[in-house]
Amino acid sequence: MKKIILFTFLIIFSLSATTAFATKSDTKSATDKPTIPVKTENKMSEEELSRLTKRVEEIRDMDKTNMTIKEKRELKKEAKSIRENVKKDGGYIYIGGGTLLLIILLIILL
C-alpha cells in the first residue's frame, strides 16, 4: 500500500515538473524590467456589504409581473453586477484540481 502511494506521488510530481520547466529562461521582455505587482486594498466595509445585500433582497422580493421586459433586464443586470462586486471582494477561495487531490491525499494519510 505504501509503495502505491509513493509511486502515485512520484508520478504526480514528475508530471507537474515538466510543465514547470517548459518555458525558456533566455527570453527577455520588451522592457527588461521585472514586473512588480501593485497591491491595492479594495475591501468593502460592512455597511456597504449590508447595503448591497439588502438591495439584492429587495430586487428578489419585487413583484415583477407588471414590469416590462426592459425593466426586468435592468434589474437582472443590477443584481448580477452587485453579486460580482461582492465576489471580487475576496469572499471566495479557488483551489485547483491538483491541489485538491493533494490535500485529500494528505488528509487520508494523516
N, C-alpha and C. Protein backbone atom coordinates (compact mmCIF):
# COMPACT_ATOMS: atom_id res chain seq x y z
N MET A 1 0.83 -1.19 0.00
CA MET A 1 0.00 0.00 0.00
C MET A 1 0.87 1.25 0.00
N LYS A 2 1.94 1.23 0.80
CA LYS A 2 2.82 2.40 0.87
C LYS A 2 3.55 2.62 -0.46
N LYS A 3 3.87 1.52 -1.13
CA LYS A 3 4.56 1.65 -2.41
C LYS A 3 3.65 2.30 -3.45
N ILE A 4 2.38 1.96 -3.43
CA ILE A 4 1.43 2.53 -4.39
C ILE A 4 1.30 4.03 -4.16
N ILE A 5 1.21 4.43 -2.91
CA ILE A 5 1.10 5.86 -2.59
C ILE A 5 2.37 6.59 -3.00
N LEU A 6 3.52 5.97 -2.72
CA LEU A 6 4.79 6.58 -3.10
C LEU A 6 4.89 6.76 -4.61
N PHE A 7 4.53 5.72 -5.37
CA PHE A 7 4.58 5.82 -6.83
C PHE A 7 3.57 6.85 -7.34
N THR A 8 2.42 6.96 -6.71
CA THR A 8 1.42 7.94 -7.12
C THR A 8 1.96 9.35 -6.93
N PHE A 9 2.56 9.62 -5.78
CA PHE A 9 3.16 10.93 -5.55
C PHE A 9 4.29 11.20 -6.52
N LEU A 10 5.11 10.20 -6.78
CA LEU A 10 6.23 10.36 -7.70
C LEU A 10 5.73 10.71 -9.10
N ILE A 11 4.68 10.07 -9.55
CA ILE A 11 4.12 10.34 -10.88
C ILE A 11 3.52 11.74 -10.93
N ILE A 12 2.79 12.11 -9.89
CA ILE A 12 2.17 13.44 -9.86
C ILE A 12 3.22 14.53 -9.92
N PHE A 13 4.26 14.40 -9.10
CA PHE A 13 5.29 15.43 -9.07
C PHE A 13 6.14 15.44 -10.34
N SER A 14 6.38 14.29 -10.93
CA SER A 14 7.18 14.27 -12.15
C SER A 14 6.40 14.85 -13.33
N LEU A 15 5.09 14.61 -13.37
CA LEU A 15 4.30 15.18 -14.46
C LEU A 15 4.13 16.68 -14.31
N SER A 16 4.04 17.15 -13.10
CA SER A 16 3.88 18.60 -12.90
C SER A 16 5.20 19.33 -13.11
N ALA A 17 6.32 18.66 -12.92
CA ALA A 17 7.62 19.30 -13.09
C ALA A 17 7.90 19.60 -14.56
N THR A 18 7.42 18.77 -15.46
CA THR A 18 7.70 19.01 -16.88
C THR A 18 7.03 20.29 -17.37
N THR A 19 5.86 20.61 -16.86
CA THR A 19 5.21 21.84 -17.28
C THR A 19 5.84 23.05 -16.60
N ALA A 20 6.42 22.87 -15.43
CA ALA A 20 7.04 23.99 -14.73
C ALA A 20 8.33 24.43 -15.43
N PHE A 21 9.05 23.49 -16.01
CA PHE A 21 10.31 23.81 -16.65
C PHE A 21 10.19 23.95 -18.17
N ALA A 22 9.00 24.09 -18.68
CA ALA A 22 8.78 24.13 -20.12
C ALA A 22 9.14 25.48 -20.73
N THR A 23 9.16 26.56 -19.97
CA THR A 23 9.45 27.87 -20.53
C THR A 23 10.95 28.08 -20.65
N LYS A 24 11.35 28.88 -21.61
CA LYS A 24 12.76 29.18 -21.80
C LYS A 24 13.14 30.37 -20.91
N SER A 25 14.26 30.25 -20.28
CA SER A 25 14.68 31.32 -19.38
C SER A 25 15.45 32.42 -20.11
N ASP A 26 15.89 32.17 -21.35
CA ASP A 26 16.68 33.16 -22.07
C ASP A 26 15.83 34.18 -22.82
N THR A 27 14.53 34.03 -22.84
CA THR A 27 13.68 35.02 -23.49
C THR A 27 13.54 36.23 -22.59
N LYS A 28 13.61 37.42 -23.19
CA LYS A 28 13.53 38.66 -22.42
C LYS A 28 12.30 39.44 -22.84
N SER A 29 11.77 40.19 -21.91
CA SER A 29 10.60 41.00 -22.22
C SER A 29 11.03 42.27 -22.94
N ALA A 30 10.07 43.03 -23.39
CA ALA A 30 10.36 44.24 -24.14
C ALA A 30 10.96 45.32 -23.26
N THR A 31 10.64 45.35 -21.98
CA THR A 31 11.13 46.41 -21.12
C THR A 31 12.36 46.02 -20.32
N ASP A 32 12.68 44.75 -20.18
CA ASP A 32 13.80 44.22 -19.39
C ASP A 32 13.71 44.61 -17.92
N LYS A 33 12.55 45.01 -17.46
CA LYS A 33 12.35 45.33 -16.05
C LYS A 33 11.45 44.28 -15.44
N PRO A 34 11.76 43.86 -14.25
CA PRO A 34 10.87 42.89 -13.61
C PRO A 34 9.54 43.54 -13.25
N THR A 35 8.51 42.79 -13.38
CA THR A 35 7.19 43.31 -13.05
C THR A 35 6.97 43.22 -11.56
N ILE A 36 6.44 44.26 -11.00
CA ILE A 36 6.15 44.30 -9.59
C ILE A 36 4.65 44.45 -9.42
N PRO A 37 4.03 43.48 -8.80
CA PRO A 37 2.58 43.59 -8.63
C PRO A 37 2.24 44.69 -7.63
N VAL A 38 1.21 45.43 -7.97
CA VAL A 38 0.77 46.52 -7.11
C VAL A 38 -0.36 46.00 -6.23
N LYS A 39 -0.19 46.14 -4.94
CA LYS A 39 -1.21 45.68 -4.02
C LYS A 39 -2.19 46.81 -3.75
N THR A 40 -3.44 46.53 -4.00
CA THR A 40 -4.48 47.52 -3.73
C THR A 40 -5.50 46.90 -2.80
N GLU A 41 -5.92 47.68 -1.86
CA GLU A 41 -6.93 47.22 -0.91
C GLU A 41 -8.28 47.78 -1.32
N ASN A 42 -9.12 46.93 -1.85
CA ASN A 42 -10.46 47.34 -2.26
C ASN A 42 -11.50 46.59 -1.45
N LYS A 43 -11.26 46.47 -0.17
CA LYS A 43 -12.19 45.73 0.68
C LYS A 43 -13.41 46.59 0.96
N MET A 44 -14.56 45.95 0.94
CA MET A 44 -15.81 46.64 1.23
C MET A 44 -16.00 46.70 2.74
N SER A 45 -16.59 47.78 3.18
CA SER A 45 -16.91 47.88 4.59
C SER A 45 -18.19 47.08 4.86
N GLU A 46 -18.45 46.85 6.13
CA GLU A 46 -19.64 46.09 6.49
C GLU A 46 -20.92 46.83 6.10
N GLU A 47 -20.89 48.16 6.15
CA GLU A 47 -22.05 48.96 5.76
C GLU A 47 -22.37 48.77 4.28
N GLU A 48 -21.34 48.86 3.45
CA GLU A 48 -21.55 48.70 2.01
C GLU A 48 -22.04 47.29 1.68
N LEU A 49 -21.46 46.30 2.35
CA LEU A 49 -21.85 44.92 2.11
C LEU A 49 -23.30 44.67 2.52
N SER A 50 -23.70 45.21 3.65
CA SER A 50 -25.08 45.02 4.09
C SER A 50 -26.06 45.79 3.19
N ARG A 51 -25.65 46.97 2.72
CA ARG A 51 -26.50 47.74 1.81
C ARG A 51 -26.70 47.00 0.49
N LEU A 52 -25.63 46.41 -0.02
CA LEU A 52 -25.73 45.67 -1.28
C LEU A 52 -26.57 44.41 -1.12
N THR A 53 -26.41 43.71 -0.02
CA THR A 53 -27.22 42.51 0.19
C THR A 53 -28.70 42.86 0.37
N LYS A 54 -28.97 43.98 1.03
CA LYS A 54 -30.37 44.41 1.16
C LYS A 54 -30.97 44.74 -0.20
N ARG A 55 -30.18 45.38 -1.05
CA ARG A 55 -30.66 45.73 -2.38
C ARG A 55 -30.96 44.47 -3.20
N VAL A 56 -30.10 43.47 -3.11
CA VAL A 56 -30.34 42.22 -3.83
C VAL A 56 -31.61 41.54 -3.32
N GLU A 57 -31.81 41.58 -2.01
CA GLU A 57 -33.04 41.01 -1.44
C GLU A 57 -34.27 41.77 -1.89
N GLU A 58 -34.16 43.11 -2.00
CA GLU A 58 -35.28 43.91 -2.50
C GLU A 58 -35.62 43.53 -3.93
N ILE A 59 -34.60 43.37 -4.76
CA ILE A 59 -34.81 43.00 -6.16
C ILE A 59 -35.46 41.63 -6.23
N ARG A 60 -35.00 40.71 -5.40
CA ARG A 60 -35.54 39.35 -5.40
C ARG A 60 -37.00 39.33 -4.97
N ASP A 61 -37.37 40.18 -4.00
CA ASP A 61 -38.73 40.17 -3.46
C ASP A 61 -39.71 41.04 -4.23
N MET A 62 -39.25 41.75 -5.25
CA MET A 62 -40.14 42.63 -6.01
C MET A 62 -41.18 41.83 -6.79
N ASP A 63 -42.34 42.47 -7.00
CA ASP A 63 -43.37 41.88 -7.85
C ASP A 63 -43.06 42.30 -9.29
N LYS A 64 -42.61 41.37 -10.08
CA LYS A 64 -42.14 41.68 -11.43
C LYS A 64 -43.19 41.37 -12.50
N THR A 65 -44.40 41.08 -12.09
CA THR A 65 -45.42 40.72 -13.07
C THR A 65 -45.86 41.91 -13.91
N ASN A 66 -45.85 43.12 -13.35
CA ASN A 66 -46.31 44.30 -14.08
C ASN A 66 -45.18 45.06 -14.76
N MET A 67 -43.96 44.55 -14.71
CA MET A 67 -42.82 45.23 -15.31
C MET A 67 -42.66 44.84 -16.76
N THR A 68 -42.04 45.74 -17.50
CA THR A 68 -41.73 45.42 -18.90
C THR A 68 -40.46 44.57 -18.94
N ILE A 69 -40.19 44.02 -20.10
CA ILE A 69 -39.01 43.18 -20.27
C ILE A 69 -37.73 44.00 -20.05
N LYS A 70 -37.76 45.25 -20.50
CA LYS A 70 -36.60 46.12 -20.36
C LYS A 70 -36.28 46.38 -18.88
N GLU A 71 -37.32 46.64 -18.08
CA GLU A 71 -37.11 46.87 -16.65
C GLU A 71 -36.60 45.62 -15.95
N LYS A 72 -37.12 44.47 -16.36
CA LYS A 72 -36.66 43.21 -15.77
C LYS A 72 -35.19 42.97 -16.08
N ARG A 73 -34.79 43.27 -17.31
CA ARG A 73 -33.39 43.11 -17.70
C ARG A 73 -32.48 44.02 -16.88
N GLU A 74 -32.92 45.27 -16.69
CA GLU A 74 -32.11 46.20 -15.91
C GLU A 74 -31.95 45.72 -14.48
N LEU A 75 -33.02 45.21 -13.89
CA LEU A 75 -32.92 44.69 -12.53
C LEU A 75 -32.00 43.47 -12.47
N LYS A 76 -32.08 42.62 -13.48
CA LYS A 76 -31.23 41.44 -13.52
C LYS A 76 -29.76 41.83 -13.65
N LYS A 77 -29.48 42.81 -14.50
CA LYS A 77 -28.11 43.29 -14.66
C LYS A 77 -27.58 43.92 -13.38
N GLU A 78 -28.44 44.68 -12.71
CA GLU A 78 -28.04 45.32 -11.46
C GLU A 78 -27.71 44.26 -10.40
N ALA A 79 -28.57 43.26 -10.27
CA ALA A 79 -28.33 42.20 -9.29
C ALA A 79 -27.06 41.42 -9.62
N LYS A 80 -26.83 41.18 -10.89
CA LYS A 80 -25.64 40.45 -11.31
C LYS A 80 -24.37 41.25 -11.02
N SER A 81 -24.41 42.54 -11.27
CA SER A 81 -23.23 43.37 -11.01
C SER A 81 -22.94 43.47 -9.51
N ILE A 82 -24.00 43.51 -8.70
CA ILE A 82 -23.80 43.55 -7.25
C ILE A 82 -23.15 42.25 -6.79
N ARG A 83 -23.63 41.11 -7.30
CA ARG A 83 -23.05 39.82 -6.92
C ARG A 83 -21.58 39.73 -7.33
N GLU A 84 -21.25 40.23 -8.53
CA GLU A 84 -19.86 40.21 -8.99
C GLU A 84 -18.98 41.07 -8.11
N ASN A 85 -19.48 42.24 -7.68
CA ASN A 85 -18.70 43.10 -6.80
C ASN A 85 -18.44 42.43 -5.46
N VAL A 86 -19.42 41.73 -4.95
CA VAL A 86 -19.23 41.04 -3.67
C VAL A 86 -18.25 39.90 -3.83
N LYS A 87 -18.29 39.20 -4.97
CA LYS A 87 -17.34 38.11 -5.21
C LYS A 87 -15.91 38.64 -5.32
N LYS A 88 -15.74 39.80 -5.96
CA LYS A 88 -14.42 40.38 -6.11
C LYS A 88 -13.84 40.83 -4.79
N ASP A 89 -14.68 41.01 -3.80
CA ASP A 89 -14.23 41.48 -2.50
C ASP A 89 -13.38 40.45 -1.78
N GLY A 90 -13.35 39.23 -2.26
CA GLY A 90 -12.49 38.23 -1.64
C GLY A 90 -13.26 37.25 -0.78
N GLY A 91 -14.47 37.00 -1.11
CA GLY A 91 -15.26 36.08 -0.32
C GLY A 91 -15.08 34.63 -0.72
N TYR A 92 -14.32 34.35 -1.76
CA TYR A 92 -14.18 33.00 -2.25
C TYR A 92 -12.72 32.62 -2.36
N ILE A 93 -12.45 31.34 -2.18
CA ILE A 93 -11.10 30.81 -2.35
C ILE A 93 -11.17 29.77 -3.46
N TYR A 94 -10.32 29.91 -4.46
CA TYR A 94 -10.31 28.97 -5.56
C TYR A 94 -9.17 27.98 -5.36
N ILE A 95 -9.49 26.68 -5.46
CA ILE A 95 -8.50 25.63 -5.30
C ILE A 95 -8.49 24.82 -6.59
N GLY A 96 -7.31 24.63 -7.14
CA GLY A 96 -7.18 23.86 -8.37
C GLY A 96 -7.38 22.38 -8.13
N GLY A 97 -7.56 21.64 -9.21
CA GLY A 97 -7.81 20.21 -9.11
C GLY A 97 -6.65 19.43 -8.52
N GLY A 98 -5.44 19.75 -8.96
CA GLY A 98 -4.26 19.06 -8.43
C GLY A 98 -4.04 19.35 -6.96
N THR A 99 -4.27 20.58 -6.59
CA THR A 99 -4.13 20.96 -5.19
C THR A 99 -5.17 20.26 -4.33
N LEU A 100 -6.38 20.18 -4.83
CA LEU A 100 -7.44 19.50 -4.10
C LEU A 100 -7.11 18.02 -3.93
N LEU A 101 -6.59 17.39 -4.97
CA LEU A 101 -6.19 15.99 -4.89
C LEU A 101 -5.09 15.80 -3.86
N LEU A 102 -4.11 16.68 -3.85
CA LEU A 102 -3.03 16.60 -2.90
C LEU A 102 -3.53 16.78 -1.47
N ILE A 103 -4.42 17.71 -1.26
CA ILE A 103 -4.98 17.94 0.08
C ILE A 103 -5.75 16.72 0.55
N ILE A 104 -6.54 16.12 -0.33
CA ILE A 104 -7.31 14.93 0.05
C ILE A 104 -6.39 13.77 0.40
N LEU A 105 -5.33 13.58 -0.39
CA LEU A 105 -4.38 12.51 -0.11
C LEU A 105 -3.68 12.75 1.23
N LEU A 106 -3.32 13.98 1.50
CA LEU A 106 -2.66 14.26 2.79
C LEU A 106 -3.60 14.03 3.95
N ILE A 107 -4.85 14.39 3.78
CA ILE A 107 -5.83 14.15 4.86
C ILE A 107 -6.00 12.65 5.09
N ILE A 108 -6.06 11.87 4.03
CA ILE A 108 -6.21 10.43 4.16
C ILE A 108 -4.99 9.81 4.84
N LEU A 109 -3.81 10.28 4.46
CA LEU A 109 -2.59 9.70 5.04
C LEU A 109 -2.39 10.10 6.49
N LEU A 110 -2.80 11.28 6.84
CA LEU A 110 -2.59 11.72 8.23
C LEU A 110 -3.82 11.43 9.01
